[in-house]
Amino acid sequence: MKRQKLPKGWTEKRIRQLLAHYENQSEEEQVAEHESAYSKRGQTMISVPTKLLPLIRKLLADKARV
């Protein structure tokens, strides 16, 4: 079986910790985390069609290289 290649800086341990964090959150903690994300200064949350995500990710990656 072929192992997946992880993004730079990610390890299986880190992924398991992240998964455990979200699986063990209470509903109240989930709501608080979402509300916090929407209220951060200097960031904007938008809804876009899923089919546009690959293009948006590419644009963001290109911008980060500049």
C-alpha atoms as a PDB file:
ATOM      1  CA  MET A   1       0.000   0.000   0.000  1.00  0.00           C
ATOM      2  CA  LYS A   2       1.312   3.452  -0.945  1.00  0.00           C
ATOM      3  CA  ARG A   3       1.704   5.937   1.927  1.00  0.00           C
ATOM      4  CA  GLN A   4       0.284   9.390   1.455  1.00  0.00           C
ATOM      5  CA  LYS A   5       2.726  12.245   1.215  1.00  0.00           C
ATOM      6  CA  LEU A   6       2.064  14.738   4.002  1.00  0.00           C
ATOM      7  CA  PRO A   7       2.368  18.494   3.595  1.00  0.00           C
ATOM      8  CA  LYS A   8       5.654  20.006   4.752  1.00  0.00           C
ATOM      9  CA  GLY A   9       5.800  20.207   8.540  1.00  0.00           C
ATOM     10  CA  TRP A  10       2.974  17.709   9.095  1.00  0.00           C
ATOM     11  CA  THR A  11       3.479  14.359  10.799  1.00  0.00           C
ATOM     12  CA  GLU A  12       1.144  11.507  11.530  1.00  0.00           C
ATOM     13  CA  LYS A  13       1.318  12.495  15.209  1.00  0.00           C
ATOM     14  CA  ARG A  14       0.244  16.064  14.408  1.00  0.00           C
ATOM     15  CA  ILE A  15      -2.665  14.811  12.307  1.00  0.00           C
ATOM     16  CA  ARG A  16      -3.827  12.461  15.078  1.00  0.00           C
ATOM     17  CA  GLN A  17      -3.655  15.310  17.626  1.00  0.00           C
ATOM     18  CA  LEU A  18      -5.686  17.601  15.375  1.00  0.00           C
ATOM     19  CA  LEU A  19      -8.254  14.887  14.755  1.00  0.00           C
ATOM     20  CA  ALA A  20      -8.539  14.179  18.487  1.00  0.00           C
ATOM     21  CA  HIS A  21      -8.986  17.902  19.183  1.00  0.00           C
ATOM     22  CA  TYR A  22     -11.963  18.211  16.861  1.00  0.00           C
ATOM     23  CA  GLU A  23     -13.511  14.848  17.729  1.00  0.00           C
ATOM     24  CA  ASN A  24     -13.478  15.704  21.440  1.00  0.00           C
ATOM     25  CA  GLN A  25     -14.854  19.256  21.203  1.00  0.00           C
ATOM     26  CA  SER A  26     -18.209  19.959  22.786  1.00  0.00           C
ATOM     27  CA  GLU A  27     -20.874  21.663  20.708  1.00  0.00           C
ATOM     28  CA  GLU A  28     -20.304  24.876  22.690  1.00  0.00           C
ATOM     29  CA  GLU A  29     -16.559  24.752  21.953  1.00  0.00           C
ATOM     30  CA  GLN A  30     -17.268  24.240  18.246  1.00  0.00           C
ATOM     31  CA  VAL A  31     -19.578  27.264  18.158  1.00  0.00           C
ATOM     32  CA  ALA A  32     -17.046  29.416  20.028  1.00  0.00           C
ATOM     33  CA  GLU A  33     -14.277  28.423  17.609  1.00  0.00           C
ATOM     34  CA  HIS A  34     -16.411  29.275  14.585  1.00  0.00           C
ATOM     35  CA  GLU A  35     -17.483  32.608  16.055  1.00  0.00           C
ATOM     36  CA  SER A  36     -13.871  33.437  16.839  1.00  0.00           C
ATOM     37  CA  ALA A  37     -12.830  32.742  13.253  1.00  0.00           C
ATOM     38  CA  TYR A  38     -15.478  35.126  11.920  1.00  0.00           C
ATOM     39  CA  SER A  39     -14.455  37.957  14.250  1.00  0.00           C
ATOM     40  CA  LYS A  40     -10.688  38.051  13.611  1.00  0.00           C
ATOM     41  CA  ARG A  41      -9.371  41.395  12.459  1.00  0.00           C
ATOM     42  CA  GLY A  42      -7.674  41.486   9.088  1.00  0.00           C
ATOM     43  CA  GLN A  43      -9.441  38.362   7.831  1.00  0.00           C
ATOM     44  CA  THR A  44     -12.607  37.893   5.836  1.00  0.00           C
ATOM     45  CA  MET A  45     -14.744  34.780   5.665  1.00  0.00           C
ATOM     46  CA  ILE A  46     -16.618  34.212   2.421  1.00  0.00           C
ATOM     47  CA  SER A  47     -18.726  31.489   0.898  1.00  0.00           C
ATOM     48  CA  VAL A  48     -17.710  30.319  -2.561  1.00  0.00           C
ATOM     49  CA  PRO A  49     -18.860  27.481  -4.798  1.00  0.00           C
ATOM     50  CA  THR A  50     -16.870  24.322  -4.084  1.00  0.00           C
ATOM     51  CA  LYS A  51     -15.927  23.919  -7.729  1.00  0.00           C
ATOM     52  CA  LEU A  52     -13.956  27.206  -7.509  1.00  0.00           C
ATOM     53  CA  LEU A  53     -11.768  26.084  -4.598  1.00  0.00           C
ATOM     54  CA  PRO A  54      -8.932  24.648  -6.729  1.00  0.00           C
ATOM     55  CA  LEU A  55      -8.618  27.957  -8.592  1.00  0.00           C
ATOM     56  CA  ILE A  56      -8.798  30.003  -5.381  1.00  0.00           C
ATOM     57  CA  ARG A  57      -6.137  27.839  -3.722  1.00  0.00           C
ATOM     58  CA  LYS A  58      -3.881  28.278  -6.759  1.00  0.00           C
ATOM     59  CA  LEU A  59      -4.357  32.045  -6.720  1.00  0.00           C
ATOM     60  CA  LEU A  60      -3.531  32.194  -3.015  1.00  0.00           C
ATOM     61  CA  ALA A  61      -0.453  30.003  -3.461  1.00  0.00           C
ATOM     62  CA  ASP A  62       0.737  32.173  -6.363  1.00  0.00           C
ATOM     63  CA  LYS A  63       0.204  35.325  -4.299  1.00  0.00           C
ATOM     64  CA  ALA A  64       2.162  33.843  -1.374  1.00  0.00           C
ATOM     65  CA  ARG A  65       5.174  33.300  -3.654  1.00  0.00           C
ATOM     66  CA  VAL A  66       5.280  36.976  -4.690  1.00  0.00           C
END
